[in-house]
Amino acid sequence: MTSPAEQSGPAGGGAADQPPLLISLVQSLNGTYAADGWTTAISNDEDFGYFRELRRAAGAVIIDRRTALNPQLPRVNAPGKALERTPVHVLSRTDPARLQAELDRAGLGYRAHGIGGREGREPERIRAVVPALARKDPAAPLLCEAGPHLAYRLLAAYPGAELHLSISPLYLHGPGTQASGLQARIPLRLTGTERRGDQMILRYRAR
C-alpha cells in the first residue's frame, strides 16, 4: 500500500532543486480550523492516521511561529520519537535571529527562517527559502503542518504545492463561521459521496 505522499499526482513530484511540498490541514464542515483554540479538537482517528503517514514520508516539517512556541504542543522531533532526525523549520515574517533565540530558549531543536521583507516580496522569499530547507532525505517531500495562515501563503506562492485537506465530520459554531450564532457541536455520519468535476459532494446525517 502506498503512502499519501507516494499517491500524489504531478504536484507531488518536483525537480531535485524544487522539492515537493505537501500541506496538511484539517477543518470542520463549516470551515473551522480549531475548537477552543485547539486544532486536534476537530480531528478524528482517521485524520490522525493519515497525518501520521504524511509525517513518516516527510523529509522535513514546516511549521509557523505560533505552532512552534505553543507550550501545549510536544516537540515534533523529540529524542526517541519517530521524527527524531527529521528537521523542523519555522517560517515567519518576524526577524529570524530573534525567533531563533526564542526557539533556543524553549529548548526546541527547530530552525527559524524569515519569509518577510519588503511589501509584496513574500512569495519571492518563499520560493527562495523553501527549496533550500534541509531534509533528512533529499528525495522526500516537505510537509507543512502549520495553521491555515502560513499554509495558504505557501499554497499560493510555492510552485506545485499540494493541499491535503481533511474535512472533519463535525459542524461547529465559532467566530467567523456561518454557524457563529449556533451554540452547538453536532457530530455527523458520512452517508455518501459524489464527485462532480473537481467538486466533492459529501452527504451527512446526524449521528
C-alpha atoms as a PDB file:
ATOM      1  CA  MET A   1       0.000   0.000   0.000  1.00  0.00           C
ATOM      2  CA  THR A   2       1.421   3.379  -0.979  1.00  0.00           C
ATOM      3  CA  SER A   3       1.679   6.321   1.375  1.00  0.00           C
ATOM      4  CA  PRO A   4      -0.295   9.545   0.793  1.00  0.00           C
ATOM      5  CA  ALA A   5       2.902  11.211  -0.420  1.00  0.00           C
ATOM      6  CA  GLU A   6       3.525   8.415  -2.946  1.00  0.00           C
ATOM      7  CA  GLN A   7      -0.071   8.699  -4.176  1.00  0.00           C
ATOM      8  CA  SER A   8       0.408  12.365  -5.093  1.00  0.00           C
ATOM      9  CA  GLY A   9      -0.122  13.407  -8.689  1.00  0.00           C
ATOM     10  CA  PRO A  10       2.111  15.684 -10.743  1.00  0.00           C
ATOM     11  CA  ALA A  11       2.180  18.262  -7.961  1.00  0.00           C
ATOM     12  CA  GLY A  12       3.812  15.728  -5.679  1.00  0.00           C
ATOM     13  CA  GLY A  13       6.954  15.335  -7.763  1.00  0.00           C
ATOM     14  CA  GLY A  14       9.493  18.141  -8.107  1.00  0.00           C
ATOM     15  CA  ALA A  15      12.930  18.599  -9.577  1.00  0.00           C
ATOM     16  CA  ALA A  16      15.972  17.990  -7.384  1.00  0.00           C
ATOM     17  CA  ASP A  17      16.195  21.704  -6.583  1.00  0.00           C
ATOM     18  CA  GLN A  18      12.416  22.050  -6.202  1.00  0.00           C
ATOM     19  CA  PRO A  19      11.279  19.520  -3.591  1.00  0.00           C
ATOM     20  CA  PRO A  20       7.567  18.696  -3.485  1.00  0.00           C
ATOM     21  CA  LEU A  21       5.601  20.472  -0.773  1.00  0.00           C
ATOM     22  CA  LEU A  22       2.609  18.833   0.885  1.00  0.00           C
ATOM     23  CA  ILE A  23       0.309  20.929   3.066  1.00  0.00           C
ATOM     24  CA  SER A  24      -1.826  19.130   5.640  1.00  0.00           C
ATOM     25  CA  LEU A  25      -4.886  20.847   7.102  1.00  0.00           C
ATOM     26  CA  VAL A  26      -7.990  19.665   8.936  1.00  0.00           C
ATOM     27  CA  GLN A  27     -11.182  21.695   9.236  1.00  0.00           C
ATOM     28  CA  SER A  28     -14.767  21.179  10.248  1.00  0.00           C
ATOM     29  CA  LEU A  29     -17.545  21.097   7.662  1.00  0.00           C
ATOM     30  CA  ASN A  30     -18.283  24.772   8.192  1.00  0.00           C
ATOM     31  CA  GLY A  31     -14.674  25.916   7.863  1.00  0.00           C
ATOM     32  CA  THR A  32     -13.496  25.997  11.496  1.00  0.00           C
ATOM     33  CA  TYR A  33      -9.811  25.115  11.953  1.00  0.00           C
ATOM     34  CA  ALA A  34      -9.832  24.828  15.735  1.00  0.00           C
ATOM     35  CA  ALA A  35     -12.217  24.317  18.628  1.00  0.00           C
ATOM     36  CA  ASP A  36     -11.381  26.201  21.833  1.00  0.00           C
ATOM     37  CA  GLY A  37      -8.061  27.157  20.237  1.00  0.00           C
ATOM     38  CA  TRP A  38      -7.050  23.556  19.635  1.00  0.00           C
ATOM     39  CA  THR A  39      -6.761  22.070  16.132  1.00  0.00           C
ATOM     40  CA  THR A  40      -6.859  18.466  17.307  1.00  0.00           C
ATOM     41  CA  ALA A  41     -10.286  19.081  18.828  1.00  0.00           C
ATOM     42  CA  ILE A  42     -11.794  18.662  15.369  1.00  0.00           C
ATOM     43  CA  SER A  43      -9.673  15.701  14.267  1.00  0.00           C
ATOM     44  CA  ASN A  44     -10.617  12.029  14.452  1.00  0.00           C
ATOM     45  CA  ASP A  45      -8.769   8.707  14.342  1.00  0.00           C
ATOM     46  CA  GLU A  46      -8.875   8.537  10.538  1.00  0.00           C
ATOM     47  CA  ASP A  47      -7.448  12.028  10.205  1.00  0.00           C
ATOM     48  CA  PHE A  48      -4.664  11.297  12.695  1.00  0.00           C
ATOM     49  CA  GLY A  49      -3.794   8.096  10.832  1.00  0.00           C
ATOM     50  CA  TYR A  50      -3.489   9.904   7.513  1.00  0.00           C
ATOM     51  CA  PHE A  51      -1.493  12.708   9.126  1.00  0.00           C
ATOM     52  CA  ARG A  52       0.966  10.198  10.639  1.00  0.00           C
ATOM     53  CA  GLU A  53       1.509   8.662   7.194  1.00  0.00           C
ATOM     54  CA  LEU A  54       2.342  12.086   5.770  1.00  0.00           C
ATOM     55  CA  ARG A  55       4.757  12.742   8.635  1.00  0.00           C
ATOM     56  CA  ARG A  56       6.554   9.417   8.188  1.00  0.00           C
ATOM     57  CA  ALA A  57       7.091  10.158   4.488  1.00  0.00           C
ATOM     58  CA  ALA A  58       8.331  13.721   5.044  1.00  0.00           C
ATOM     59  CA  GLY A  59      11.964  14.729   4.729  1.00  0.00           C
ATOM     60  CA  ALA A  60      11.317  17.845   6.812  1.00  0.00           C
ATOM     61  CA  VAL A  61       8.425  19.505   8.612  1.00  0.00           C
ATOM     62  CA  ILE A  62       7.428  23.163   8.245  1.00  0.00           C
ATOM     63  CA  ILE A  63       5.517  24.995  10.975  1.00  0.00           C
ATOM     64  CA  ASP A  64       4.803  28.603  11.922  1.00  0.00           C
ATOM     65  CA  ARG A  65       5.930  30.585  14.955  1.00  0.00           C
ATOM     66  CA  ARG A  66       2.655  30.171  16.824  1.00  0.00           C
ATOM     67  CA  THR A  67       2.738  26.399  16.419  1.00  0.00           C
ATOM     68  CA  ALA A  68       6.418  26.168  17.352  1.00  0.00           C
ATOM     69  CA  LEU A  69       6.068  28.139  20.592  1.00  0.00           C
ATOM     70  CA  ASN A  70       2.728  26.660  21.706  1.00  0.00           C
ATOM     71  CA  PRO A  71       3.500  25.148  25.153  1.00  0.00           C
ATOM     72  CA  GLN A  72       0.676  22.632  24.728  1.00  0.00           C
ATOM     73  CA  LEU A  73       2.359  21.009  21.740  1.00  0.00           C
ATOM     74  CA  PRO A  74       5.111  18.423  22.236  1.00  0.00           C
ATOM     75  CA  ARG A  75       8.384  18.857  20.397  1.00  0.00           C
ATOM     76  CA  VAL A  76       7.956  17.466  16.883  1.00  0.00           C
ATOM     77  CA  ASN A  77      11.418  15.840  16.655  1.00  0.00           C
ATOM     78  CA  ALA A  78      11.967  14.987  20.325  1.00  0.00           C
ATOM     79  CA  PRO A  79      14.672  12.363  21.067  1.00  0.00           C
ATOM     80  CA  GLY A  80      13.299   8.834  20.916  1.00  0.00           C
ATOM     81  CA  LYS A  81      10.329   9.815  18.750  1.00  0.00           C
ATOM     82  CA  ALA A  82       9.709   8.636  15.187  1.00  0.00           C
ATOM     83  CA  LEU A  83      10.692  12.040  13.796  1.00  0.00           C
ATOM     84  CA  GLU A  84      13.814  12.456  15.929  1.00  0.00           C
ATOM     85  CA  ARG A  85      16.076  13.027  12.903  1.00  0.00           C
ATOM     86  CA  THR A  86      13.523  14.974  10.877  1.00  0.00           C
ATOM     87  CA  PRO A  87      14.469  18.664  10.506  1.00  0.00           C
ATOM     88  CA  VAL A  88      11.754  21.074  11.667  1.00  0.00           C
ATOM     89  CA  HIS A  89      11.732  24.532  10.096  1.00  0.00           C
ATOM     90  CA  VAL A  90       9.813  27.532  11.431  1.00  0.00           C
ATOM     91  CA  LEU A  91       8.831  30.065   8.782  1.00  0.00           C
ATOM     92  CA  SER A  92       7.858  33.522   9.950  1.00  0.00           C
ATOM     93  CA  ARG A  93       7.606  37.133   8.836  1.00  0.00           C
ATOM     94  CA  THR A  94       9.414  38.129  12.049  1.00  0.00           C
ATOM     95  CA  ASP A  95      13.173  38.580  12.446  1.00  0.00           C
ATOM     96  CA  PRO A  96      14.651  35.054  12.123  1.00  0.00           C
ATOM     97  CA  ALA A  97      17.535  35.758  14.522  1.00  0.00           C
ATOM     98  CA  ARG A  98      15.147  36.861  17.265  1.00  0.00           C
ATOM     99  CA  LEU A  99      12.860  33.922  16.581  1.00  0.00           C
ATOM    100  CA  GLN A 100      15.801  31.504  16.681  1.00  0.00           C
ATOM    101  CA  ALA A 101      16.722  32.854  20.108  1.00  0.00           C
ATOM    102  CA  GLU A 102      13.172  32.187  21.314  1.00  0.00           C
ATOM    103  CA  LEU A 103      13.274  28.652  19.950  1.00  0.00           C
ATOM    104  CA  ASP A 104      16.637  28.004  21.598  1.00  0.00           C
ATOM    105  CA  ARG A 105      15.435  29.326  24.963  1.00  0.00           C
ATOM    106  CA  ALA A 106      12.459  26.970  24.746  1.00  0.00           C
ATOM    107  CA  GLY A 107      14.833  24.041  24.153  1.00  0.00           C
ATOM    108  CA  LEU A 108      13.396  23.250  20.718  1.00  0.00           C
ATOM    109  CA  GLY A 109      15.566  21.752  18.011  1.00  0.00           C
ATOM    110  CA  TYR A 110      13.954  23.881  15.295  1.00  0.00           C
ATOM    111  CA  ARG A 111      15.492  26.255  12.769  1.00  0.00           C
ATOM    112  CA  ALA A 112      13.987  29.701  12.091  1.00  0.00           C
ATOM    113  CA  HIS A 113      13.699  31.202   8.618  1.00  0.00           C
ATOM    114  CA  GLY A 114      12.404  34.615   7.617  1.00  0.00           C
ATOM    115  CA  ILE A 115       9.979  34.960   4.729  1.00  0.00           C
ATOM    116  CA  GLY A 116       9.202  38.640   5.330  1.00  0.00           C
ATOM    117  CA  GLY A 117      10.807  41.630   3.713  1.00  0.00           C
ATOM    118  CA  ARG A 118       9.682  44.480   1.574  1.00  0.00           C
ATOM    119  CA  GLU A 119       5.956  44.600   0.875  1.00  0.00           C
ATOM    120  CA  GLY A 120       4.901  42.278  -1.914  1.00  0.00           C
ATOM    121  CA  ARG A 121       8.132  40.252  -1.802  1.00  0.00           C
ATOM    122  CA  GLU A 122       6.876  37.395   0.385  1.00  0.00           C
ATOM    123  CA  PRO A 123       6.056  34.993  -2.496  1.00  0.00           C
ATOM    124  CA  GLU A 124       9.540  35.555  -3.881  1.00  0.00           C
ATOM    125  CA  ARG A 125      11.060  34.861  -0.448  1.00  0.00           C
ATOM    126  CA  ILE A 126       9.011  31.676  -0.081  1.00  0.00           C
ATOM    127  CA  ARG A 127      10.185  30.411  -3.466  1.00  0.00           C
ATOM    128  CA  ALA A 128      13.792  31.120  -2.457  1.00  0.00           C
ATOM    129  CA  VAL A 129      13.724  29.821   1.128  1.00  0.00           C
ATOM    130  CA  VAL A 130      11.600  26.674   0.958  1.00  0.00           C
ATOM    131  CA  PRO A 131      13.580  24.705  -1.682  1.00  0.00           C
ATOM    132  CA  ALA A 132      16.785  25.260   0.342  1.00  0.00           C
ATOM    133  CA  LEU A 133      15.412  23.798   3.586  1.00  0.00           C
ATOM    134  CA  ALA A 134      17.397  20.873   4.949  1.00  0.00           C
ATOM    135  CA  ARG A 135      15.802  17.430   4.712  1.00  0.00           C
ATOM    136  CA  LYS A 136      16.770  14.085   6.186  1.00  0.00           C
ATOM    137  CA  ASP A 137      16.194  12.524   2.747  1.00  0.00           C
ATOM    138  CA  PRO A 138      16.722  14.618  -0.402  1.00  0.00           C
ATOM    139  CA  ALA A 139      14.089  12.558  -2.239  1.00  0.00           C
ATOM    140  CA  ALA A 140      11.408  13.075   0.406  1.00  0.00           C
ATOM    141  CA  PRO A 141       8.783  15.840   0.306  1.00  0.00           C
ATOM    142  CA  LEU A 142       8.457  18.763   2.666  1.00  0.00           C
ATOM    143  CA  LEU A 143       5.378  18.726   4.893  1.00  0.00           C
ATOM    144  CA  CYS A 144       3.706  21.884   6.170  1.00  0.00           C
ATOM    145  CA  GLU A 145       1.592  21.236   9.231  1.00  0.00           C
ATOM    146  CA  ALA A 146       1.142  24.824  10.392  1.00  0.00           C
ATOM    147  CA  GLY A 147      -2.132  26.657  10.779  1.00  0.00           C
ATOM    148  CA  PRO A 148      -4.094  27.974   7.801  1.00  0.00           C
ATOM    149  CA  HIS A 149      -2.368  31.360   7.535  1.00  0.00           C
ATOM    150  CA  LEU A 150       1.081  30.009   6.651  1.00  0.00           C
ATOM    151  CA  ALA A 151      -0.386  27.016   4.835  1.00  0.00           C
ATOM    152  CA  TYR A 152      -2.353  29.120   2.392  1.00  0.00           C
ATOM    153  CA  ARG A 153       0.526  31.548   1.836  1.00  0.00           C
ATOM    154  CA  LEU A 154       2.715  28.589   0.871  1.00  0.00           C
ATOM    155  CA  LEU A 155      -0.021  27.133  -1.309  1.00  0.00           C
ATOM    156  CA  ALA A 156      -0.328  30.406  -3.224  1.00  0.00           C
ATOM    157  CA  ALA A 157       3.407  31.037  -3.634  1.00  0.00           C
ATOM    158  CA  TYR A 158       5.145  27.670  -3.952  1.00  0.00           C
ATOM    159  CA  PRO A 159       5.007  26.044  -7.415  1.00  0.00           C
ATOM    160  CA  GLY A 160       3.282  22.668  -7.368  1.00  0.00           C
ATOM    161  CA  ALA A 161       2.339  22.790  -3.676  1.00  0.00           C
ATOM    162  CA  GLU A 162      -0.274  20.165  -2.880  1.00  0.00           C
ATOM    163  CA  LEU A 163      -3.026  20.676  -0.288  1.00  0.00           C
ATOM    164  CA  HIS A 164      -4.209  17.626   1.652  1.00  0.00           C
ATOM    165  CA  LEU A 165      -7.400  18.936   3.267  1.00  0.00           C
ATOM    166  CA  SER A 166      -9.170  16.675   5.750  1.00  0.00           C
ATOM    167  CA  ILE A 167     -12.809  17.604   6.301  1.00  0.00           C
ATOM    168  CA  SER A 168     -13.849  16.528   9.772  1.00  0.00           C
ATOM    169  CA  PRO A 169     -17.455  15.265  10.012  1.00  0.00           C
ATOM    170  CA  LEU A 170     -18.286  17.885  12.614  1.00  0.00           C
ATOM    171  CA  TYR A 171     -20.349  21.067  12.497  1.00  0.00           C
ATOM    172  CA  LEU A 172     -19.080  23.681  14.928  1.00  0.00           C
ATOM    173  CA  HIS A 173     -20.049  27.158  15.994  1.00  0.00           C
ATOM    174  CA  GLY A 174     -17.259  29.668  16.191  1.00  0.00           C
ATOM    175  CA  PRO A 175     -16.248  33.241  15.345  1.00  0.00           C
ATOM    176  CA  GLY A 176     -16.166  33.934  11.646  1.00  0.00           C
ATOM    177  CA  THR A 177     -18.128  30.870  10.560  1.00  0.00           C
ATOM    178  CA  GLN A 178     -21.631  30.721   9.185  1.00  0.00           C
ATOM    179  CA  ALA A 179     -22.686  28.988  12.410  1.00  0.00           C
ATOM    180  CA  SER A 180     -21.212  31.654  14.685  1.00  0.00           C
ATOM    181  CA  GLY A 181     -24.563  32.179  16.407  1.00  0.00           C
ATOM    182  CA  LEU A 182     -25.280  28.484  16.878  1.00  0.00           C
ATOM    183  CA  GLN A 183     -24.266  27.243  20.311  1.00  0.00           C
ATOM    184  CA  ALA A 184     -23.908  23.632  19.305  1.00  0.00           C
ATOM    185  CA  ARG A 185     -21.459  20.881  18.485  1.00  0.00           C
ATOM    186  CA  ILE A 186     -23.049  18.427  16.063  1.00  0.00           C
ATOM    187  CA  PRO A 187     -21.204  15.189  15.192  1.00  0.00           C
ATOM    188  CA  LEU A 188     -22.266  13.787  11.830  1.00  0.00           C
ATOM    189  CA  ARG A 189     -22.105  10.475   9.961  1.00  0.00           C
ATOM    190  CA  LEU A 190     -20.982  10.309   6.320  1.00  0.00           C
ATOM    191  CA  THR A 191     -23.652   8.546   4.246  1.00  0.00           C
ATOM    192  CA  GLY A 192     -22.354   9.085   0.719  1.00  0.00           C
ATOM    193  CA  THR A 193     -20.026  10.969  -1.622  1.00  0.00           C
ATOM    194  CA  GLU A 194     -20.364  12.224  -5.171  1.00  0.00           C
ATOM    195  CA  ARG A 195     -17.716  13.805  -7.363  1.00  0.00           C
ATOM    196  CA  ARG A 196     -18.753  16.372  -9.969  1.00  0.00           C
ATOM    197  CA  GLY A 197     -15.649  17.577 -11.751  1.00  0.00           C
ATOM    198  CA  ASP A 198     -13.368  18.994  -9.065  1.00  0.00           C
ATOM    199  CA  GLN A 199     -16.246  19.365  -6.615  1.00  0.00           C
ATOM    200  CA  MET A 200     -16.833  16.671  -3.997  1.00  0.00           C
ATOM    201  CA  ILE A 201     -20.331  16.480  -2.565  1.00  0.00           C
ATOM    202  CA  LEU A 202     -20.445  14.910   0.898  1.00  0.00           C
ATOM    203  CA  ARG A 203     -23.746  13.703   2.340  1.00  0.00           C
ATOM    204  CA  TYR A 204     -24.118  13.587   6.117  1.00  0.00           C
ATOM    205  CA  ARG A 205     -26.689  12.749   8.765  1.00  0.00           C
ATOM    206  CA  ALA A 206     -26.572  13.490  12.471  1.00  0.00           C
ATOM    207  CA  ARG A 207     -25.262  10.552  14.486  1.00  0.00           C
END
